Amino acid sequence: MAIPSFRFTLSPLIHTQTSSKLLFSLSNFQTKSLKILSFSSSIPQTETLAPPTPSQSVTPIRWEPYRKKKVVMRVGYVGTDYKGLQMQKDESVSTIEKELETAIYKAGGIRDSNFGDLNKIAWARSSRTDKGVHSLSTMISLKMEIPESAWVGDPNGTELANLVNTYLPKSIRVFSILPSQRSFDARRECNIRKYSYLLPVEVIGITSNLSESEIEHHLSDFNNILNSFEGKHPFHNYTIRKNYRKKYSAKQSPDGGRMANRRAKLKWSNEPMLEKSDEEDSSEIECNESDEIVSNLIDEEHVPLMNIDSDKEVVNEPDAQGNNGLEDAPVLAKWLHEPDDKDKISASHFRRIVQCSCGKMEKLFGASYVEISICGESFMLHQIRKMVGTAVAIKRGLLRRDIITLSLNKFSRIVVPIAPSEVLFLRSNNFAMRTRLDTRPEMAILVESEEILKEVEVFYRSILLPQVAEFLDPSRPPWKEWVELLDRNTRIPDSQLDQVKNAWIAWKGQP
């Protein structure tokens, strides 16, 4: 993507001081309000809103299908009780998409013959979220059976959405359903995604007895750490690397291996590889069954964070004395001096981060926290949580300040910690057609419509934030156990980091 295109598409997304003072009329939703593209999480305790309950005021009905039409819908959800957004092969696994498909089917939007197979209705999403992650702005396209009166007197598609909402739990909300063009690609046309992470301030050393100037100093220092992630870098140390490797076979190489040799040469040059991956523009992808098991161990069974690398393998190599064992000193940071066919880094590991910063200290139901904003083109599995985990470890003095610079090099292999998922959510996104910089009319409505944004804000304040607030107490799970584990296990020997740093300096000095 050309850099100049950011000048007009990013400004509303990265603005963090947008007012959250909106007027609501829960009975008819007709009150005028300001148009916003992002939301402030500064919510005084006295300003609590009763959740909108269209499912309680509208009797569930099943509309009569009139014709099949490609549509796009904006969805918000609290992911606490779900194993992620995407439907799983195991039908017993609870996911957001399973709830959505069932609700749309019950409302009349999916025929009996197509129910249970999302491929039959061309289901696609703008991004995927991991287990426990929330969203205010997931866009999903599908071929839906629509009633004859669809969008008559309802240009924003809220009436059709509310019919589907009558079959959904209150933790999942469809904000709008609009007709879409056949060529619309929800994933590839989503060029900016903005996530928010709510972090208890005590985790980064801010306590109640600090003065205002001391708090500002801590936040400024933490912001400087977060800013180090901005730019285009290989984030292979912040994900499960093998999930993003392009697989080639002899049958897929009609050039007799010439391209493979060229890639090998490019890999060891000073320039980023130009190889295109099918997953390059995807958001956080789901992991396979074995990955999920290890992920659960890390998050729930408290396996020591620093003994598992980004590919979930214990790095265990002989030291200078020939010792080999975890009881000695596991290799947690190293530099690849020679190509490793089993650990290749490609263009799909490179990601552009437009903004990574935190705001002022805020309070929610008595809990003090800061909102970390991470805005980028796309993200890999666990990437944001590992970015946050690394920044927190640096702020707590557990990792060196130069570890971010060293880890964002394609030749380094460094183990970094992963932060909890319970307070991460997709806040907003931006869309542009791939052939030109224009935004499709239906996407402009979903992102900018005042009526839709009011409903998003109500869901955010009344449903999502109260749920997230339960995880902002640093003395309770997940933070108490996570911080104890982080402090106990997050150590990388200076000798290992010095070796990586020296190799990095030598690499930078190459002509």
Protein backbone atom coordinates (compact mmCIF):
# COMPACT_ATOMS: atom_id res chain seq x y z
CA MET A 1 0.00 0.00 0.00
CA ALA A 2 1.36 3.42 -0.89
CA ILE A 3 2.16 5.64 2.04
CA PRO A 4 0.37 8.75 0.69
CA SER A 5 -2.96 6.93 0.94
CA PHE A 6 -2.75 7.19 4.75
CA ARG A 7 -3.07 10.96 4.71
CA PHE A 8 -6.81 11.01 4.46
CA THR A 9 -7.80 7.55 5.69
CA LEU A 10 -5.96 7.48 9.01
CA SER A 11 -6.59 10.84 10.60
CA PRO A 12 -10.00 10.01 12.09
CA LEU A 13 -8.88 6.57 13.18
CA ILE A 14 -5.77 7.53 15.11
CA HIS A 15 -7.34 10.54 16.83
CA THR A 16 -7.67 9.52 20.46
CA GLN A 17 -9.37 12.56 21.95
CA THR A 18 -12.75 12.22 20.25
CA SER A 19 -15.53 13.21 22.58
CA SER A 20 -17.64 10.48 24.06
CA LYS A 21 -20.45 12.85 25.08
CA LEU A 22 -23.28 11.46 23.02
CA LEU A 23 -26.98 11.98 23.48
CA PHE A 24 -29.19 8.91 23.47
CA SER A 25 -32.87 8.26 23.14
CA LEU A 26 -33.20 4.57 23.84
CA SER A 27 -36.85 4.51 22.91
CA ASN A 28 -36.57 5.66 19.30
CA PHE A 29 -32.84 6.28 18.64
CA GLN A 30 -33.73 9.50 16.81
CA THR A 31 -31.69 11.96 18.88
CA LYS A 32 -29.01 13.72 16.86
CA SER A 33 -25.34 13.22 17.75
CA LEU A 34 -21.85 13.96 16.51
CA LYS A 35 -20.28 11.68 13.91
CA ILE A 36 -17.33 9.76 15.31
CA LEU A 37 -14.98 7.10 14.02
CA SER A 38 -13.39 6.20 17.33
CA PHE A 39 -14.51 6.31 20.92
CA SER A 40 -13.10 7.55 24.16
CA SER A 41 -13.20 5.08 27.03
CA SER A 42 -13.34 7.83 29.64
CA ILE A 43 -16.60 6.96 31.36
CA PRO A 44 -17.50 8.54 34.69
CA GLN A 45 -19.06 6.09 37.09
CA THR A 46 -22.18 8.19 37.30
CA GLU A 47 -22.80 7.91 33.55
CA THR A 48 -24.02 4.35 33.28
CA LEU A 49 -26.49 3.45 30.61
CA ALA A 50 -29.13 0.79 30.65
CA PRO A 51 -28.46 -1.67 27.85
CA PRO A 52 -30.66 -1.35 24.78
CA THR A 53 -32.86 -4.41 24.56
CA PRO A 54 -34.35 -4.76 21.09
CA SER A 55 -34.60 -8.48 21.70
CA GLN A 56 -36.99 -7.80 24.60
CA SER A 57 -39.12 -5.24 22.79
CA VAL A 58 -39.43 -7.05 19.45
CA THR A 59 -41.20 -10.38 19.22
CA PRO A 60 -38.97 -12.91 17.43
CA ILE A 61 -40.28 -13.53 13.93
CA ARG A 62 -39.06 -15.37 10.84
CA TRP A 63 -39.30 -13.30 7.69
CA GLU A 64 -40.40 -14.72 4.36
CA PRO A 65 -37.39 -15.04 2.01
CA TYR A 66 -37.89 -13.07 -1.19
CA ARG A 67 -34.52 -13.30 -2.95
CA LYS A 68 -30.87 -14.04 -2.23
CA LYS A 69 -28.59 -11.02 -1.96
CA LYS A 70 -24.99 -10.40 -0.89
CA VAL A 71 -25.01 -8.27 2.25
CA VAL A 72 -22.48 -6.93 4.74
CA MET A 73 -23.18 -6.52 8.43
CA ARG A 74 -21.38 -4.77 11.27
CA VAL A 75 -21.15 -6.89 14.40
CA GLY A 76 -20.04 -6.25 17.98
CA TYR A 77 -19.53 -8.85 20.68
CA VAL A 78 -18.09 -9.67 24.07
CA GLY A 79 -15.80 -12.65 23.49
CA THR A 80 -15.31 -13.72 27.10
CA ASP A 81 -17.45 -16.86 26.88
CA TYR A 82 -16.42 -17.86 23.36
CA LYS A 83 -13.50 -19.68 21.76
CA GLY A 84 -12.96 -16.89 19.26
CA LEU A 85 -14.90 -15.46 16.34
CA GLN A 86 -14.50 -18.11 13.66
CA MET A 87 -16.66 -21.22 13.39
CA GLN A 88 -14.80 -24.42 14.36
CA LYS A 89 -15.11 -27.91 12.90
CA ASP A 90 -16.05 -29.20 16.34
CA GLU A 91 -19.70 -28.17 16.67
CA SER A 92 -19.50 -28.35 20.46
CA VAL A 93 -17.07 -25.39 20.50
CA SER A 94 -18.85 -22.13 21.23
CA THR A 95 -17.96 -19.34 18.76
CA ILE A 96 -19.39 -15.97 17.74
CA GLU A 97 -20.00 -17.09 14.16
CA LYS A 98 -21.94 -20.13 15.33
CA GLU A 99 -24.29 -17.85 17.27
CA LEU A 100 -24.63 -15.49 14.28
CA GLU A 101 -25.36 -18.25 11.78
CA THR A 102 -28.03 -19.73 14.05
CA ALA A 103 -29.67 -16.34 14.61
CA ILE A 104 -29.71 -15.46 10.90
CA TYR A 105 -31.15 -18.89 10.11
CA LYS A 106 -33.91 -18.52 12.68
CA ALA A 107 -34.73 -15.06 11.31
CA GLY A 108 -35.12 -16.46 7.79
CA GLY A 109 -31.82 -15.35 6.28
CA ILE A 110 -30.43 -18.83 5.57
CA ARG A 111 -32.26 -21.70 3.87
CA ASP A 112 -32.42 -25.13 5.49
CA SER A 113 -30.24 -26.61 2.73
CA ASN A 114 -27.46 -24.09 3.42
CA PHE A 115 -27.53 -24.07 7.22
CA GLY A 116 -24.40 -25.56 8.77
CA ASP A 117 -22.06 -24.77 5.87
CA LEU A 118 -20.84 -21.17 5.73
CA ASN A 119 -19.12 -21.82 2.39
CA LYS A 120 -22.52 -22.23 0.72
CA ILE A 121 -23.43 -18.66 1.59
CA ALA A 122 -19.97 -17.17 0.82
CA TRP A 123 -19.40 -16.14 4.44
CA ALA A 124 -16.35 -13.87 4.90
CA ARG A 125 -15.12 -11.59 7.66
CA SER A 126 -12.89 -8.50 7.82
CA SER A 127 -10.79 -9.90 10.66
CA ARG A 128 -10.64 -12.77 13.11
CA THR A 129 -10.26 -12.47 16.86
CA ASP A 130 -8.76 -14.98 19.24
CA LYS A 131 -10.34 -16.61 22.27
CA GLY A 132 -11.65 -14.05 24.77
CA VAL A 133 -11.11 -11.01 22.52
CA HIS A 134 -13.98 -8.56 21.92
CA SER A 135 -15.08 -6.36 19.01
CA LEU A 136 -17.10 -3.27 18.13
CA SER A 137 -16.47 -3.34 14.41
CA THR A 138 -16.25 -6.76 12.79
CA MET A 139 -17.63 -6.71 9.24
CA ILE A 140 -19.08 -9.93 7.86
CA SER A 141 -20.35 -10.47 4.31
CA LEU A 142 -22.62 -13.30 3.17
CA LYS A 143 -25.32 -14.20 0.69
CA MET A 144 -28.52 -13.79 2.67
CA GLU A 145 -32.14 -14.60 1.97
CA ILE A 146 -33.78 -11.21 2.41
CA PRO A 147 -37.43 -10.20 2.78
CA GLU A 148 -39.17 -8.20 0.06
CA SER A 149 -39.37 -5.12 2.28
CA ALA A 150 -35.64 -5.09 3.14
CA TRP A 151 -34.24 -1.54 3.49
CA VAL A 152 -37.57 0.11 2.63
CA GLY A 153 -37.51 3.21 4.81
CA ASP A 154 -34.43 1.78 6.51
CA PRO A 155 -31.35 3.10 4.64
CA ASN A 156 -28.99 2.16 7.49
CA GLY A 157 -30.18 -1.43 7.75
CA THR A 158 -30.88 -1.29 11.48
CA GLU A 159 -34.39 -2.77 11.31
CA LEU A 160 -33.14 -5.90 9.55
CA ALA A 161 -30.30 -6.14 12.07
CA ASN A 162 -32.69 -5.87 15.02
CA LEU A 163 -34.74 -8.78 13.71
CA VAL A 164 -31.60 -10.92 13.82
CA ASN A 165 -30.75 -9.53 17.27
CA THR A 166 -33.96 -11.01 18.70
CA TYR A 167 -32.30 -14.43 18.36
CA LEU A 168 -28.91 -13.38 19.76
CA PRO A 169 -27.64 -13.23 23.35
CA LYS A 170 -27.09 -9.70 24.68
CA SER A 171 -23.31 -10.17 24.41
CA ILE A 172 -23.55 -10.22 20.58
CA ARG A 173 -25.09 -7.39 18.57
CA VAL A 174 -25.63 -6.85 14.86
CA PHE A 175 -25.61 -3.07 14.35
CA SER A 176 -26.54 -2.97 10.67
CA ILE A 177 -27.14 -5.15 7.60
CA LEU A 178 -26.71 -3.48 4.21
CA PRO A 179 -26.75 -4.65 0.57
CA SER A 180 -23.26 -5.14 -0.84
CA GLN A 181 -21.71 -5.40 -4.27
CA ARG A 182 -20.61 -8.80 -5.50
CA SER A 183 -16.97 -7.76 -5.75
CA PHE A 184 -16.74 -6.69 -2.10
CA ASP A 185 -13.99 -8.52 -0.18
CA ALA A 186 -14.32 -7.89 3.57
CA ARG A 187 -10.81 -9.03 4.47
CA ARG A 188 -8.77 -7.54 1.65
CA GLU A 189 -10.56 -4.19 1.55
CA CYS A 190 -10.07 -3.62 5.27
CA ASN A 191 -6.85 -1.59 5.16
CA ILE A 192 -6.74 -0.30 8.74
CA ARG A 193 -7.65 -2.01 12.00
CA LYS A 194 -7.56 -0.28 15.37
CA TYR A 195 -7.44 -2.33 18.56
CA SER A 196 -7.66 -1.15 22.16
CA TYR A 197 -6.12 -2.81 25.19
CA LEU A 198 -7.17 -1.70 28.70
CA LEU A 199 -4.26 -2.10 31.11
CA PRO A 200 -4.47 -1.67 34.92
CA VAL A 201 -1.97 1.08 35.76
CA GLU A 202 -0.61 -0.75 38.80
CA VAL A 203 0.89 -3.31 36.40
CA ILE A 204 3.26 -0.62 35.10
CA GLY A 205 4.13 0.80 38.52
CA ILE A 206 1.48 3.51 38.97
CA THR A 207 0.06 3.36 42.50
CA SER A 208 -2.49 5.51 44.30
CA ASN A 209 0.12 7.36 46.38
CA LEU A 210 1.93 8.84 43.36
CA SER A 211 1.67 12.53 42.51
CA GLU A 212 0.26 13.75 39.21
CA SER A 213 3.73 14.56 37.89
CA GLU A 214 5.00 11.08 38.82
CA ILE A 215 2.05 9.48 37.04
CA GLU A 216 2.75 11.60 33.94
CA HIS A 217 6.39 10.50 34.04
CA HIS A 218 5.40 6.80 34.14
CA LEU A 219 2.91 7.21 31.27
CA SER A 220 5.43 9.17 29.17
CA ASP A 221 8.02 6.46 29.72
CA PHE A 222 5.54 3.73 28.83
CA ASN A 223 4.51 5.62 25.70
CA ASN A 224 8.12 5.80 24.57
CA ILE A 225 8.33 2.02 24.88
CA LEU A 226 5.11 1.48 22.93
CA ASN A 227 6.17 3.91 20.18
CA SER A 228 9.10 1.61 19.37
CA PHE A 229 6.72 -0.79 17.64
CA GLU A 230 5.59 1.78 15.04
CA GLY A 231 6.64 1.34 11.43
CA LYS A 232 6.93 -1.68 9.13
CA HIS A 233 8.80 -4.56 10.74
CA PRO A 234 8.92 -8.35 10.79
CA PHE A 235 6.85 -9.41 13.82
CA HIS A 236 7.85 -13.08 13.64
CA ASN A 237 8.87 -13.07 17.31
CA TYR A 238 5.36 -11.93 18.25
CA THR A 239 3.34 -14.79 16.75
CA ILE A 240 3.44 -18.50 15.93
CA ARG A 241 5.90 -18.24 13.04
CA LYS A 242 5.07 -21.44 11.22
CA ASN A 243 1.44 -20.37 10.72
CA TYR A 244 2.63 -17.67 8.32
CA ARG A 245 5.13 -19.61 6.22
CA LYS A 246 4.36 -20.17 2.57
CA LYS A 247 4.51 -23.86 1.78
CA TYR A 248 6.01 -24.93 -1.55
CA SER A 249 6.34 -28.35 -3.10
CA ALA A 250 8.11 -29.66 -6.19
CA LYS A 251 4.80 -29.75 -8.08
CA GLN A 252 4.19 -26.08 -7.22
CA SER A 253 7.55 -24.95 -8.59
CA PRO A 254 7.32 -24.92 -12.41
CA ASP A 255 10.48 -22.80 -12.65
CA GLY A 256 12.63 -25.73 -11.57
CA GLY A 257 13.55 -24.13 -8.27
CA ARG A 258 14.98 -20.88 -9.66
CA MET A 259 12.53 -18.76 -7.65
CA ALA A 260 13.32 -20.71 -4.50
CA ASN A 261 17.04 -20.00 -4.98
CA ARG A 262 16.28 -16.34 -5.55
CA ARG A 263 14.22 -16.20 -2.34
CA ALA A 264 17.09 -17.77 -0.42
CA LYS A 265 19.44 -15.07 -1.66
CA LEU A 266 16.97 -12.30 -0.89
CA LYS A 267 16.45 -13.66 2.61
CA TRP A 268 20.02 -12.85 3.53
CA SER A 269 20.10 -9.40 1.98
CA ASN A 270 19.48 -6.19 3.90
CA GLU A 271 16.14 -5.58 2.19
CA PRO A 272 12.75 -6.98 3.25
CA MET A 273 11.56 -9.85 1.09
CA LEU A 274 8.98 -9.02 -1.53
CA GLU A 275 7.31 -12.40 -1.54
CA LYS A 276 3.53 -12.12 -1.33
CA SER A 277 1.61 -14.38 1.02
CA ASP A 278 -2.07 -15.22 0.91
CA GLU A 279 -2.23 -14.43 4.63
CA GLU A 280 -0.39 -11.12 4.49
CA ASP A 281 -3.53 -9.02 4.69
CA SER A 282 -5.36 -11.22 7.15
CA SER A 283 -5.96 -10.24 10.73
CA GLU A 284 -5.37 -12.54 13.68
CA ILE A 285 -5.75 -16.05 12.27
CA GLU A 286 -6.98 -19.01 14.21
CA CYS A 287 -4.49 -21.64 15.27
CA ASN A 288 -4.77 -25.34 14.70
CA GLU A 289 -5.61 -27.82 17.42
CA SER A 290 -2.06 -28.29 18.70
CA ASP A 291 -1.47 -24.54 18.72
CA GLU A 292 -4.65 -24.02 20.72
CA ILE A 293 -3.54 -26.56 23.31
CA VAL A 294 -0.23 -24.78 23.85
CA SER A 295 -1.95 -21.40 23.84
CA ASN A 296 -4.25 -22.62 26.59
CA LEU A 297 -1.28 -23.85 28.56
CA ILE A 298 0.36 -20.47 28.35
CA ASP A 299 -2.76 -18.52 29.26
CA GLU A 300 -4.46 -20.84 31.71
CA GLU A 301 -2.06 -23.43 33.07
CA HIS A 302 0.70 -20.85 33.63
CA VAL A 303 3.55 -22.59 31.87
CA PRO A 304 6.63 -20.36 32.35
CA LEU A 305 6.42 -17.72 29.65
CA MET A 306 10.11 -17.49 28.93
CA ASN A 307 10.57 -21.21 28.30
CA ILE A 308 8.35 -21.21 25.23
CA ASP A 309 9.30 -19.41 22.07
CA SER A 310 7.05 -18.04 19.35
CA ASP A 311 6.77 -21.48 17.77
CA LYS A 312 6.06 -23.12 21.13
CA GLU A 313 9.33 -25.08 21.15
CA VAL A 314 11.75 -25.00 24.05
CA VAL A 315 14.94 -23.50 22.70
CA ASN A 316 17.61 -25.79 24.10
CA GLU A 317 21.09 -25.65 22.62
CA PRO A 318 24.51 -26.56 24.05
CA ASP A 319 26.38 -23.73 25.68
CA ALA A 320 30.12 -23.04 25.44
CA GLN A 321 30.87 -25.76 27.99
CA GLY A 322 28.72 -28.31 26.21
CA ASN A 323 25.94 -28.24 28.80
CA ASN A 324 22.54 -28.99 27.43
CA GLY A 325 19.43 -28.74 29.58
CA LEU A 326 16.74 -26.40 30.81
CA GLU A 327 18.21 -26.53 34.29
CA ASP A 328 21.25 -24.68 32.91
CA ALA A 329 20.41 -21.72 30.67
CA PRO A 330 17.88 -22.14 27.86
CA VAL A 331 18.62 -20.06 24.79
CA LEU A 332 15.96 -17.35 24.83
CA ALA A 333 17.62 -15.01 22.34
CA LYS A 334 19.79 -15.85 19.35
CA TRP A 335 20.81 -14.58 15.92
CA LEU A 336 20.60 -16.73 12.79
CA HIS A 337 23.97 -16.44 11.08
CA GLU A 338 23.05 -19.00 8.42
CA PRO A 339 19.78 -19.87 6.62
CA ASP A 340 17.47 -22.26 8.43
CA ASP A 341 15.00 -23.95 6.07
CA LYS A 342 12.84 -24.92 9.04
CA ASP A 343 12.56 -21.36 10.32
CA LYS A 344 12.07 -19.08 7.33
CA ILE A 345 10.82 -15.51 7.55
CA SER A 346 8.84 -14.19 4.59
CA ALA A 347 6.88 -11.10 3.62
CA SER A 348 3.84 -12.46 5.47
CA HIS A 349 5.66 -11.85 8.77
CA PHE A 350 6.06 -8.14 8.02
CA ARG A 351 3.35 -5.83 9.39
CA ARG A 352 2.93 -2.05 9.41
CA ILE A 353 2.01 -0.44 12.73
CA VAL A 354 0.71 3.09 12.25
CA GLN A 355 0.13 3.90 15.92
CA CYS A 356 1.06 2.24 19.21
CA SER A 357 0.56 4.46 22.24
CA CYS A 358 -1.41 4.90 25.45
CA GLY A 359 -3.63 7.71 26.70
CA LYS A 360 -4.16 9.31 30.08
CA MET A 361 -4.98 7.37 33.23
CA GLU A 362 -8.72 6.79 33.55
CA LYS A 363 -11.11 5.19 36.01
CA LEU A 364 -13.86 2.68 35.42
CA PHE A 365 -15.99 1.46 38.33
CA GLY A 366 -13.15 2.34 40.70
CA ALA A 367 -10.38 0.68 38.67
CA SER A 368 -7.54 2.83 37.29
CA TYR A 369 -6.31 1.92 33.82
CA VAL A 370 -4.80 3.23 30.59
CA GLU A 371 -6.06 2.48 27.12
CA ILE A 372 -3.37 1.28 24.74
CA SER A 373 -4.24 2.00 21.08
CA ILE A 374 -2.67 -0.19 18.40
CA CYS A 375 -3.52 0.80 14.84
CA GLY A 376 -2.16 -1.08 11.83
CA GLU A 377 -2.89 -2.60 8.47
CA SER A 378 -3.23 -6.14 9.84
CA PHE A 379 -2.14 -8.30 12.74
CA MET A 380 -1.01 -11.88 13.27
CA LEU A 381 -2.11 -14.39 15.89
CA HIS A 382 -1.14 -13.21 19.40
CA GLN A 383 0.79 -10.24 17.95
CA ILE A 384 -0.92 -7.49 19.92
CA ARG A 385 -0.89 -9.43 23.19
CA LYS A 386 2.83 -10.16 22.81
CA MET A 387 3.52 -6.51 22.00
CA VAL A 388 1.73 -5.47 25.19
CA GLY A 389 3.39 -8.22 27.23
CA THR A 390 6.84 -7.14 26.03
CA ALA A 391 6.16 -3.45 26.75
CA VAL A 392 4.96 -4.26 30.28
CA ALA A 393 8.01 -6.47 30.93
CA ILE A 394 10.31 -3.63 29.84
CA LYS A 395 8.48 -1.11 32.03
CA ARG A 396 8.79 -3.44 35.03
CA GLY A 397 12.54 -3.74 34.41
CA LEU A 398 12.36 -7.42 33.47
CA LEU A 399 13.61 -6.97 29.89
CA ARG A 400 16.19 -4.61 28.46
CA ARG A 401 15.11 -1.45 26.67
CA ASP A 402 16.73 -2.48 23.39
CA ILE A 403 14.85 -5.78 23.12
CA ILE A 404 12.11 -4.35 20.86
CA THR A 405 14.66 -3.11 18.31
CA LEU A 406 16.49 -6.42 18.40
CA SER A 407 13.30 -8.50 18.17
CA LEU A 408 12.06 -6.59 15.11
CA ASN A 409 14.84 -7.95 12.91
CA LYS A 410 14.25 -10.95 10.65
CA PHE A 411 17.44 -12.71 11.78
CA SER A 412 16.71 -12.57 15.52
CA ARG A 413 14.85 -15.23 17.47
CA ILE A 414 13.76 -13.89 20.85
CA VAL A 415 11.21 -15.24 23.32
CA VAL A 416 8.70 -12.62 24.50
CA PRO A 417 5.79 -12.85 26.99
CA ILE A 418 2.11 -12.80 26.05
CA ALA A 419 -0.43 -10.59 27.87
CA PRO A 420 -3.98 -11.68 28.86
CA SER A 421 -6.74 -11.53 26.24
CA GLU A 422 -9.67 -10.45 28.41
CA VAL A 423 -9.17 -6.69 27.91
CA LEU A 424 -8.40 -6.58 24.16
CA PHE A 425 -11.02 -5.49 21.64
CA LEU A 426 -11.31 -4.34 18.03
CA ARG A 427 -12.44 -0.72 18.23
CA SER A 428 -12.74 0.45 14.61
CA ASN A 429 -11.48 -0.05 11.09
CA ASN A 430 -11.27 1.55 7.66
CA PHE A 431 -12.05 0.25 4.18
CA ALA A 432 -10.90 1.11 0.68
CA MET A 433 -11.31 -0.69 -2.63
CA ARG A 434 -8.13 -2.38 -3.82
CA THR A 435 -8.36 -0.96 -7.34
CA ARG A 436 -8.78 2.64 -6.17
CA LEU A 437 -8.81 4.61 -2.93
CA ASP A 438 -12.58 5.14 -2.84
CA THR A 439 -14.72 3.59 -0.11
CA ARG A 440 -17.82 1.65 -1.10
CA PRO A 441 -21.04 3.48 -0.13
CA GLU A 442 -22.26 0.67 2.11
CA MET A 443 -18.95 0.60 4.00
CA ALA A 444 -19.02 4.36 4.48
CA ILE A 445 -22.45 3.98 6.10
CA LEU A 446 -21.32 1.14 8.37
CA VAL A 447 -18.27 3.10 9.53
CA GLU A 448 -19.66 6.66 9.65
CA SER A 449 -23.47 6.59 10.05
CA GLU A 450 -24.55 8.53 13.16
CA GLU A 451 -27.42 6.13 13.81
CA ILE A 452 -25.15 3.08 13.68
CA LEU A 453 -22.42 4.75 15.75
CA LYS A 454 -24.95 5.60 18.46
CA GLU A 455 -25.93 1.94 18.75
CA VAL A 456 -22.25 0.94 18.78
CA GLU A 457 -21.59 3.43 21.58
CA VAL A 458 -24.53 2.17 23.63
CA PHE A 459 -23.34 -1.43 23.27
CA TYR A 460 -19.81 -0.34 24.20
CA ARG A 461 -20.90 1.50 27.34
CA SER A 462 -23.63 -0.81 28.58
CA ILE A 463 -22.44 -4.29 27.57
CA LEU A 464 -18.75 -4.43 26.65
CA LEU A 465 -17.21 -2.06 29.21
CA PRO A 466 -18.98 -3.52 32.28
CA GLN A 467 -17.73 -6.94 31.19
CA VAL A 468 -14.16 -5.74 30.63
CA ALA A 469 -14.23 -3.83 33.95
CA GLU A 470 -14.32 -7.17 35.75
CA PHE A 471 -10.76 -7.77 34.53
CA LEU A 472 -9.23 -4.43 35.54
CA ASP A 473 -8.49 -5.26 39.18
CA PRO A 474 -4.74 -6.02 39.41
CA SER A 475 -5.27 -8.06 42.57
CA ARG A 476 -7.60 -10.52 40.81
CA PRO A 477 -7.35 -12.86 37.81
CA PRO A 478 -5.98 -12.68 35.25
CA TRP A 479 -3.51 -10.01 36.43
CA LYS A 480 -2.43 -11.33 39.82
CA GLU A 481 -1.29 -14.69 38.47
CA TRP A 482 0.06 -13.22 35.23
CA VAL A 483 2.22 -10.60 36.94
CA GLU A 484 3.59 -13.17 39.40
CA LEU A 485 4.44 -15.48 36.52
CA LEU A 486 5.93 -12.62 34.51
CA ASP A 487 8.18 -11.49 37.38
CA ARG A 488 9.28 -15.03 38.15
CA ASN A 489 10.11 -16.20 34.63
CA THR A 490 10.82 -13.23 32.38
CA ARG A 491 14.59 -13.12 32.28
CA ILE A 492 16.88 -13.20 29.25
CA PRO A 493 20.61 -13.42 30.04
CA ASP A 494 22.52 -10.30 29.02
CA SER A 495 25.12 -12.51 27.36
CA GLN A 496 22.51 -13.82 24.92
CA LEU A 497 21.11 -10.38 24.14
CA ASP A 498 24.64 -8.99 23.75
CA GLN A 499 25.38 -11.66 21.14
CA VAL A 500 22.23 -10.70 19.26
CA LYS A 501 23.05 -7.00 19.55
CA ASN A 502 26.62 -7.44 18.30
CA ALA A 503 25.38 -9.47 15.34
CA TRP A 504 22.75 -6.82 14.64
CA ILE A 505 25.38 -4.04 14.69
CA ALA A 506 27.59 -6.03 12.31
CA TRP A 507 24.61 -6.69 10.03
CA LYS A 508 23.72 -2.98 9.96
CA GLY A 509 27.26 -2.13 8.97
CA GLN A 510 27.20 -4.35 5.89
CA PRO A 511 27.38 -2.46 2.56
